[in-house]
Amino acid sequence: MTREEIRRHVGQRVTLKLAPGAPGAPGLTGRIEGVLDAADGMVVTVAPDGAAPGVTRTIHYHYIQEISPAG
């Protein structure tokens, strides 16, 4: 996944297919709240489905293998 592909999904509820070893692997469903460019790459902030309000998870973009809309 490229940074631009991930940015297109900000604000959307999606399912992320994650690489082995990633926090939440093999997958995570929730709303992409935002992205942050960091020295070591992009960090994606996700509000996982079923989490308490305000609870988010951050994932480095290189762990994201696929994004699909969550219905």
C-alpha atoms as a PDB file:
ATOM      1  CA  MET A   1       0.000   0.000   0.000  1.00  0.00           C
ATOM      2  CA  THR A   2       1.239   3.468  -0.784  1.00  0.00           C
ATOM      3  CA  ARG A   3       0.838   6.494   1.452  1.00  0.00           C
ATOM      4  CA  GLU A   4      -1.542   8.047  -1.074  1.00  0.00           C
ATOM      5  CA  GLU A   5      -3.767   4.946  -1.132  1.00  0.00           C
ATOM      6  CA  ILE A   6      -4.022   5.014   2.645  1.00  0.00           C
ATOM      7  CA  ARG A   7      -4.761   8.762   2.738  1.00  0.00           C
ATOM      8  CA  ARG A   8      -7.776   8.217   0.447  1.00  0.00           C
ATOM      9  CA  HIS A   9      -9.411   6.175   3.227  1.00  0.00           C
ATOM     10  CA  VAL A  10      -9.119   8.713   6.064  1.00  0.00           C
ATOM     11  CA  GLY A  11     -12.533   9.086   7.707  1.00  0.00           C
ATOM     12  CA  GLN A  12     -13.812   5.782   6.336  1.00  0.00           C
ATOM     13  CA  ARG A  13     -14.648   2.548   8.114  1.00  0.00           C
ATOM     14  CA  VAL A  14     -12.403  -0.137   6.653  1.00  0.00           C
ATOM     15  CA  THR A  15     -10.889  -3.538   7.260  1.00  0.00           C
ATOM     16  CA  LEU A  16      -7.106  -3.607   7.242  1.00  0.00           C
ATOM     17  CA  LYS A  17      -5.241  -6.783   6.313  1.00  0.00           C
ATOM     18  CA  LEU A  18      -2.031  -6.595   8.350  1.00  0.00           C
ATOM     19  CA  ALA A  19       1.349  -8.268   7.936  1.00  0.00           C
ATOM     20  CA  PRO A  20       2.374 -10.908  10.474  1.00  0.00           C
ATOM     21  CA  GLY A  21       3.911  -9.305  13.532  1.00  0.00           C
ATOM     22  CA  ALA A  22       1.798  -6.150  13.249  1.00  0.00           C
ATOM     23  CA  PRO A  23      -0.244  -5.059  16.270  1.00  0.00           C
ATOM     24  CA  GLY A  24      -3.745  -6.440  15.689  1.00  0.00           C
ATOM     25  CA  ALA A  25      -2.649  -8.892  12.959  1.00  0.00           C
ATOM     26  CA  PRO A  26      -4.006 -10.517  10.927  1.00  0.00           C
ATOM     27  CA  GLY A  27      -6.724  -7.887  10.560  1.00  0.00           C
ATOM     28  CA  LEU A  28      -8.362  -4.879  12.103  1.00  0.00           C
ATOM     29  CA  THR A  29     -11.701  -3.223  11.349  1.00  0.00           C
ATOM     30  CA  GLY A  30     -12.440   0.375  12.262  1.00  0.00           C
ATOM     31  CA  ARG A  31     -12.408   3.995  11.132  1.00  0.00           C
ATOM     32  CA  ILE A  32      -9.158   5.542   9.933  1.00  0.00           C
ATOM     33  CA  GLU A  33      -8.993   8.702  12.016  1.00  0.00           C
ATOM     34  CA  GLY A  34      -5.881  10.183  10.450  1.00  0.00           C
ATOM     35  CA  VAL A  35      -2.315   9.789   9.281  1.00  0.00           C
ATOM     36  CA  LEU A  36       0.941  11.334  10.404  1.00  0.00           C
ATOM     37  CA  ASP A  37       4.159  11.457   8.422  1.00  0.00           C
ATOM     38  CA  ALA A  38       7.025  10.489  10.709  1.00  0.00           C
ATOM     39  CA  ALA A  39      10.771  10.147  10.273  1.00  0.00           C
ATOM     40  CA  ASP A  40      10.422   6.371   9.883  1.00  0.00           C
ATOM     41  CA  GLY A  41       7.349   6.504   7.614  1.00  0.00           C
ATOM     42  CA  MET A  42       3.637   7.109   7.947  1.00  0.00           C
ATOM     43  CA  VAL A  43       1.686   6.270  11.097  1.00  0.00           C
ATOM     44  CA  VAL A  44      -2.022   5.478  10.697  1.00  0.00           C
ATOM     45  CA  THR A  45      -4.462   6.085  13.565  1.00  0.00           C
ATOM     46  CA  VAL A  46      -7.466   3.744  13.659  1.00  0.00           C
ATOM     47  CA  ALA A  47     -10.482   3.746  15.989  1.00  0.00           C
ATOM     48  CA  PRO A  48     -11.183  -0.007  16.177  1.00  0.00           C
ATOM     49  CA  ASP A  49     -14.759  -1.290  16.070  1.00  0.00           C
ATOM     50  CA  GLY A  50     -15.999  -2.119  19.559  1.00  0.00           C
ATOM     51  CA  ALA A  51     -13.390  -0.003  21.361  1.00  0.00           C
ATOM     52  CA  ALA A  52     -14.387   2.544  23.979  1.00  0.00           C
ATOM     53  CA  PRO A  53     -14.904   6.101  22.688  1.00  0.00           C
ATOM     54  CA  GLY A  54     -11.580   7.863  22.215  1.00  0.00           C
ATOM     55  CA  VAL A  55      -9.560   4.641  22.109  1.00  0.00           C
ATOM     56  CA  THR A  56      -7.343   4.384  19.039  1.00  0.00           C
ATOM     57  CA  ARG A  57      -4.569   2.172  17.747  1.00  0.00           C
ATOM     58  CA  THR A  58      -1.577   3.369  15.734  1.00  0.00           C
ATOM     59  CA  ILE A  59      -0.088   1.262  12.981  1.00  0.00           C
ATOM     60  CA  HIS A  60       2.960   1.936  10.819  1.00  0.00           C
ATOM     61  CA  TYR A  61       1.821   1.962   7.204  1.00  0.00           C
ATOM     62  CA  HIS A  62       4.331  -0.678   6.061  1.00  0.00           C
ATOM     63  CA  TYR A  63       2.325  -3.271   8.029  1.00  0.00           C
ATOM     64  CA  ILE A  64      -0.832  -2.591   5.980  1.00  0.00           C
ATOM     65  CA  GLN A  65      -1.108  -5.064   3.123  1.00  0.00           C
ATOM     66  CA  GLU A  66      -4.655  -4.322   1.988  1.00  0.00           C
ATOM     67  CA  ILE A  67      -7.552  -1.971   2.756  1.00  0.00           C
ATOM     68  CA  SER A  68     -11.155  -2.836   1.975  1.00  0.00           C
ATOM     69  CA  PRO A  69     -14.397  -1.036   2.797  1.00  0.00           C
ATOM     70  CA  ALA A  70     -16.137  -2.468   5.858  1.00  0.00           C
ATOM     71  CA  GLY A  71     -19.823  -2.946   5.342  1.00  0.00           C
END
